[in-house]
Amino acid sequence: MIILKTAGEIDTMAEAARVVAETLEVLKKEVRPGITTEYLDRIAEENIRMRGALPAFKGYRNYPRTLCASVNQEVVHGIPSKRVLKEGDIIGLDLGAIVEGFYGDSALTVAVGTVDPAVERLIRVTEAALYAGIEQAVVGNRLSDISHAVQTCVEAAGYSVVTDFVGHGIGRQLHEEPQVPNYGKPGQGPRLKWGMVLAIEPMVNAGGSAVRVLDDQWTAVTVDGSLSAHFEHTIAIQPSGPARVLSQASGARLHGRA
């Protein structure tokens, strides 16, 4: 069942999503060669709690950390560790927060130092695919219009979308109905209605779409070892006009520690 949110509930979700967005802005500035993903996780939890929110991922289905930090061929759900980031790596940062019982969720992919132009292009196309999907998130469209827009953008650039993981509804639960695939024919699925809140999240591989989950039962990697990028926003369908992007930073006022 798809749960429609009230205007007040959407405002609360915007607070949670803004905490996530501003924390991600902090983390972006902390990403550099020589730091560990564990360090980023610590900064993430400190910033979320300093804002009066709770980490959404820590303890979720026994996930051990606040942040998902996925490096290079890791698609999603990379567990922060003592792994040291190197020049030329890319890292997907996926984060959630809870405010007054409502969830916010967002992700982005960041270059570590200087990367090849081809790698920059993968990141750029993945972000563009996210916004192509968001453009379709308007009252009267079908859910698969979002999915089709993402897939079209990605495949036109010569990349592949991950099909094993999808976006999702979000609210008082981190994952609610409906699922939001990043592929499919247009004009299918439920009509988009005012009050729907969705987490749209393209996961894009430079090579094939196949992924597998490592023995830690969390980290998903590309089967062919190709690089993968990930972007995500929490958005709310509006009564008319474009969707409201809830996970936008108004300025990262908190900071990390060296």
Protein backbone atom coordinates (compact mmCIF):
# COMPACT_ATOMS: atom_id res chain seq x y z
CA MET A 1 0.00 0.00 0.00
CA ILE A 2 1.30 3.44 -0.94
CA ILE A 3 1.01 5.83 2.02
CA LEU A 4 0.28 9.44 1.06
CA LYS A 5 1.77 12.10 3.32
CA THR A 6 0.19 15.33 4.52
CA ALA A 7 1.83 18.70 3.91
CA GLY A 8 2.95 18.76 7.54
CA GLU A 9 4.45 15.30 7.32
CA ILE A 10 6.30 16.27 4.16
CA ASP A 11 7.73 19.30 5.96
CA THR A 12 9.01 17.02 8.73
CA MET A 13 10.52 14.69 6.15
CA ALA A 14 12.17 17.71 4.57
CA GLU A 15 13.86 18.41 7.90
CA ALA A 16 15.20 14.85 8.02
CA ALA A 17 16.30 14.98 4.40
CA ARG A 18 17.97 18.35 4.90
CA VAL A 19 20.04 16.91 7.75
CA VAL A 20 21.16 14.20 5.35
CA ALA A 21 21.92 16.68 2.56
CA GLU A 22 23.93 19.01 4.75
CA THR A 23 25.86 16.10 6.26
CA LEU A 24 26.67 14.85 2.77
CA GLU A 25 28.01 18.31 1.92
CA VAL A 26 30.29 18.04 4.95
CA LEU A 27 31.45 14.60 3.87
CA LYS A 28 32.17 15.77 0.31
CA LYS A 29 34.66 18.26 1.70
CA GLU A 30 36.28 15.56 3.83
CA VAL A 31 36.85 13.13 0.95
CA ARG A 32 40.54 13.08 0.00
CA PRO A 33 43.35 10.58 -0.49
CA GLY A 34 44.67 9.08 2.74
CA ILE A 35 41.52 9.06 4.86
CA THR A 36 39.55 5.96 5.78
CA THR A 37 35.90 5.25 5.12
CA GLU A 38 35.61 4.64 8.87
CA TYR A 39 36.61 8.25 9.41
CA LEU A 40 33.82 9.41 7.11
CA ASP A 41 31.35 7.27 9.02
CA ARG A 42 32.35 8.89 12.30
CA ILE A 43 31.93 12.38 10.82
CA ALA A 44 28.54 11.40 9.42
CA GLU A 45 27.19 10.17 12.74
CA GLU A 46 28.53 13.18 14.64
CA ASN A 47 26.90 15.62 12.22
CA ILE A 48 23.54 13.86 12.20
CA ARG A 49 23.36 13.71 15.99
CA MET A 50 24.55 17.31 16.37
CA ARG A 51 21.56 18.33 14.29
CA GLY A 52 19.20 16.56 16.69
CA ALA A 53 18.45 13.72 14.29
CA LEU A 54 19.11 9.98 14.48
CA PRO A 55 21.11 7.88 12.02
CA ALA A 56 18.64 5.91 9.92
CA PHE A 57 20.93 3.13 8.75
CA LYS A 58 22.77 2.19 11.94
CA GLY A 59 21.12 -0.96 13.28
CA TYR A 60 18.71 -1.19 10.31
CA ARG A 61 18.51 -4.93 9.60
CA ASN A 62 21.69 -5.13 11.72
CA TYR A 63 23.68 -2.79 9.48
CA PRO A 64 26.65 -1.80 11.68
CA ARG A 65 27.37 1.77 10.55
CA THR A 66 25.76 5.18 9.96
CA LEU A 67 27.08 5.64 6.42
CA CYS A 68 27.16 3.39 3.37
CA ALA A 69 30.52 4.04 1.69
CA SER A 70 30.92 2.24 -1.64
CA VAL A 71 34.29 2.52 -3.39
CA ASN A 72 34.98 2.01 -7.11
CA GLN A 73 33.31 -1.26 -8.21
CA GLU A 74 31.15 -1.31 -5.06
CA VAL A 75 27.63 -0.39 -6.14
CA VAL A 76 25.85 0.19 -2.82
CA HIS A 77 25.94 -0.75 0.88
CA GLY A 78 29.69 -0.67 1.34
CA ILE A 79 30.47 -0.92 5.06
CA PRO A 80 32.90 1.74 6.36
CA SER A 81 36.18 0.27 7.53
CA LYS A 82 39.89 1.04 7.85
CA ARG A 83 40.14 1.06 4.06
CA VAL A 84 42.21 4.03 2.93
CA LEU A 85 41.00 6.07 -0.03
CA LYS A 86 43.50 6.57 -2.86
CA GLU A 87 43.95 9.21 -5.55
CA GLY A 88 41.69 8.33 -8.47
CA ASP A 89 39.13 6.36 -6.47
CA ILE A 90 35.45 7.22 -6.49
CA ILE A 91 33.18 6.77 -3.48
CA GLY A 92 29.41 6.59 -3.19
CA LEU A 93 28.12 8.14 0.05
CA ASP A 94 24.62 6.99 1.01
CA LEU A 95 23.06 8.33 4.19
CA GLY A 96 19.75 8.47 6.06
CA ALA A 97 18.41 10.36 9.08
CA ILE A 98 15.28 10.29 11.24
CA VAL A 99 13.47 13.38 12.56
CA GLU A 100 10.29 12.96 14.65
CA GLY A 101 9.84 9.45 13.33
CA PHE A 102 10.17 10.33 9.64
CA TYR A 103 13.02 9.36 7.36
CA GLY A 104 15.17 11.21 4.86
CA ASP A 105 17.53 9.47 2.44
CA SER A 106 20.07 10.71 -0.10
CA ALA A 107 23.28 9.67 -1.84
CA LEU A 108 25.99 11.04 -4.09
CA THR A 109 29.22 9.89 -5.66
CA VAL A 110 32.47 11.82 -5.18
CA ALA A 111 35.86 11.66 -6.88
CA VAL A 112 38.86 11.14 -4.59
CA GLY A 113 41.41 13.66 -5.79
CA THR A 114 41.82 13.74 -9.57
CA VAL A 115 40.12 11.08 -11.70
CA ASP A 116 40.15 10.32 -15.41
CA PRO A 117 37.70 12.26 -17.60
CA ALA A 118 35.88 9.00 -18.36
CA VAL A 119 35.27 8.53 -14.63
CA GLU A 120 34.05 12.10 -14.26
CA ARG A 121 31.61 11.40 -17.09
CA LEU A 122 30.18 8.34 -15.30
CA ILE A 123 29.52 10.45 -12.21
CA ARG A 124 28.02 13.28 -14.25
CA VAL A 125 25.70 11.01 -16.24
CA THR A 126 24.48 9.24 -13.11
CA GLU A 127 23.53 12.54 -11.51
CA ALA A 128 21.86 13.66 -14.73
CA ALA A 129 19.84 10.42 -14.76
CA LEU A 130 18.59 11.20 -11.26
CA TYR A 131 17.29 14.59 -12.37
CA ALA A 132 15.80 13.09 -15.54
CA GLY A 133 13.77 10.82 -13.28
CA ILE A 134 12.79 13.66 -10.96
CA GLU A 135 11.46 15.65 -13.93
CA GLN A 136 8.91 12.89 -14.50
CA ALA A 137 7.74 12.90 -10.86
CA VAL A 138 4.60 14.96 -11.42
CA VAL A 139 0.92 14.37 -10.72
CA GLY A 140 -0.72 12.30 -13.45
CA ASN A 141 2.39 10.54 -14.69
CA ARG A 142 2.92 6.85 -14.07
CA LEU A 143 5.61 5.50 -11.78
CA SER A 144 7.44 3.85 -14.66
CA ASP A 145 7.81 7.23 -16.38
CA ILE A 146 10.46 7.95 -13.74
CA SER A 147 12.11 4.58 -14.35
CA HIS A 148 12.11 4.96 -18.11
CA ALA A 149 13.63 8.43 -17.97
CA VAL A 150 16.50 7.17 -15.81
CA GLN A 151 17.17 4.20 -18.08
CA THR A 152 17.03 6.28 -21.24
CA CYS A 153 19.55 8.80 -19.91
CA VAL A 154 21.94 6.10 -18.73
CA GLU A 155 21.84 3.89 -21.80
CA ALA A 156 22.14 6.82 -24.19
CA ALA A 157 25.52 7.46 -22.57
CA GLY A 158 26.62 3.86 -23.06
CA TYR A 159 26.27 2.71 -19.45
CA SER A 160 23.98 0.19 -17.76
CA VAL A 161 21.50 0.54 -14.91
CA VAL A 162 21.55 -1.85 -11.98
CA THR A 163 18.34 -3.87 -11.91
CA ASP A 164 18.87 -5.82 -8.67
CA PHE A 165 18.41 -2.72 -6.48
CA VAL A 166 15.73 -0.03 -6.81
CA GLY A 167 14.48 3.20 -5.34
CA HIS A 168 11.55 3.20 -2.94
CA GLY A 169 8.79 4.98 -1.14
CA ILE A 170 9.81 6.52 2.17
CA GLY A 171 8.05 7.94 5.23
CA ARG A 172 7.76 6.51 8.74
CA GLN A 173 9.70 3.56 7.33
CA LEU A 174 12.96 3.78 5.43
CA HIS A 175 11.57 1.52 2.71
CA GLU A 176 7.89 1.76 1.81
CA GLU A 177 5.91 0.97 -1.29
CA PRO A 178 6.21 1.59 -4.15
CA GLN A 179 9.49 0.26 -5.45
CA VAL A 180 11.03 2.66 -7.98
CA PRO A 181 13.10 0.73 -10.54
CA ASN A 182 15.65 2.51 -12.71
CA TYR A 183 14.41 0.76 -15.84
CA GLY A 184 11.17 -0.08 -17.62
CA LYS A 185 8.67 0.96 -20.23
CA PRO A 186 6.84 4.28 -19.73
CA GLY A 187 3.17 4.54 -18.83
CA GLN A 188 3.04 1.68 -16.35
CA GLY A 189 2.47 1.33 -12.62
CA PRO A 190 0.46 3.53 -10.27
CA ARG A 191 -0.46 7.11 -11.07
CA LEU A 192 1.69 9.64 -9.25
CA LYS A 193 -0.36 11.55 -6.68
CA TRP A 194 0.08 14.53 -4.41
CA GLY A 195 1.45 13.21 -1.11
CA MET A 196 3.66 10.46 -2.52
CA VAL A 197 7.22 10.67 -1.25
CA LEU A 198 9.86 8.71 -3.13
CA ALA A 199 13.57 8.03 -2.91
CA ILE A 200 14.78 7.95 -6.52
CA GLU A 201 18.27 6.48 -6.81
CA PRO A 202 19.99 5.54 -10.05
CA MET A 203 22.85 3.06 -9.66
CA VAL A 204 24.88 3.09 -12.86
CA ASN A 205 27.68 0.76 -13.98
CA ALA A 206 30.36 1.62 -16.50
CA GLY A 207 30.19 -2.00 -17.68
CA GLY A 208 27.47 -4.61 -17.43
CA SER A 209 24.47 -4.40 -15.12
CA ALA A 210 25.15 -7.61 -13.17
CA VAL A 211 26.02 -7.32 -9.49
CA ARG A 212 26.71 -9.70 -6.62
CA VAL A 213 26.71 -9.32 -2.83
CA LEU A 214 29.90 -10.05 -0.92
CA ASP A 215 30.23 -12.38 2.05
CA ASP A 216 29.55 -9.52 4.47
CA GLN A 217 25.92 -9.80 3.22
CA TRP A 218 25.80 -6.08 2.48
CA THR A 219 28.34 -4.84 -0.04
CA ALA A 220 27.12 -5.14 -3.63
CA VAL A 221 29.80 -5.07 -6.35
CA THR A 222 29.79 -5.20 -10.14
CA VAL A 223 30.36 -8.72 -11.44
CA ASP A 224 32.71 -7.50 -14.17
CA GLY A 225 34.70 -5.22 -11.85
CA SER A 226 33.62 -2.04 -13.63
CA LEU A 227 33.14 1.23 -11.77
CA SER A 228 29.71 2.14 -10.40
CA ALA A 229 28.15 5.47 -9.38
CA HIS A 230 25.07 6.23 -7.27
CA PHE A 231 22.96 9.35 -6.70
CA GLU A 232 19.71 9.67 -4.72
CA HIS A 233 17.20 12.29 -3.65
CA THR A 234 14.09 12.11 -1.49
CA ILE A 235 11.34 13.91 -3.39
CA ALA A 236 7.67 14.73 -2.75
CA ILE A 237 5.02 14.83 -5.48
CA GLN A 238 3.31 18.23 -5.40
CA PRO A 239 -0.35 19.11 -6.16
CA SER A 240 0.88 20.66 -9.42
CA GLY A 241 4.18 21.44 -11.05
CA PRO A 242 7.57 19.84 -10.41
CA ALA A 243 8.39 17.60 -7.48
CA ARG A 244 9.79 19.09 -4.30
CA VAL A 245 13.33 17.86 -3.73
CA LEU A 246 13.51 17.41 0.03
CA SER A 247 17.17 16.39 0.30
CA GLN A 248 18.77 19.69 -0.65
CA ALA A 249 21.32 21.36 1.56
CA SER A 250 20.71 24.92 2.69
CA GLY A 251 24.37 25.21 3.68
CA ALA A 252 26.56 22.76 5.56
CA ARG A 253 27.00 24.57 8.83
CA LEU A 254 28.71 21.73 10.67
CA HIS A 255 32.12 20.40 9.88
CA GLY A 256 34.43 17.44 10.19
CA ARG A 257 37.54 17.06 12.24
CA ALA A 258 40.99 16.40 10.81
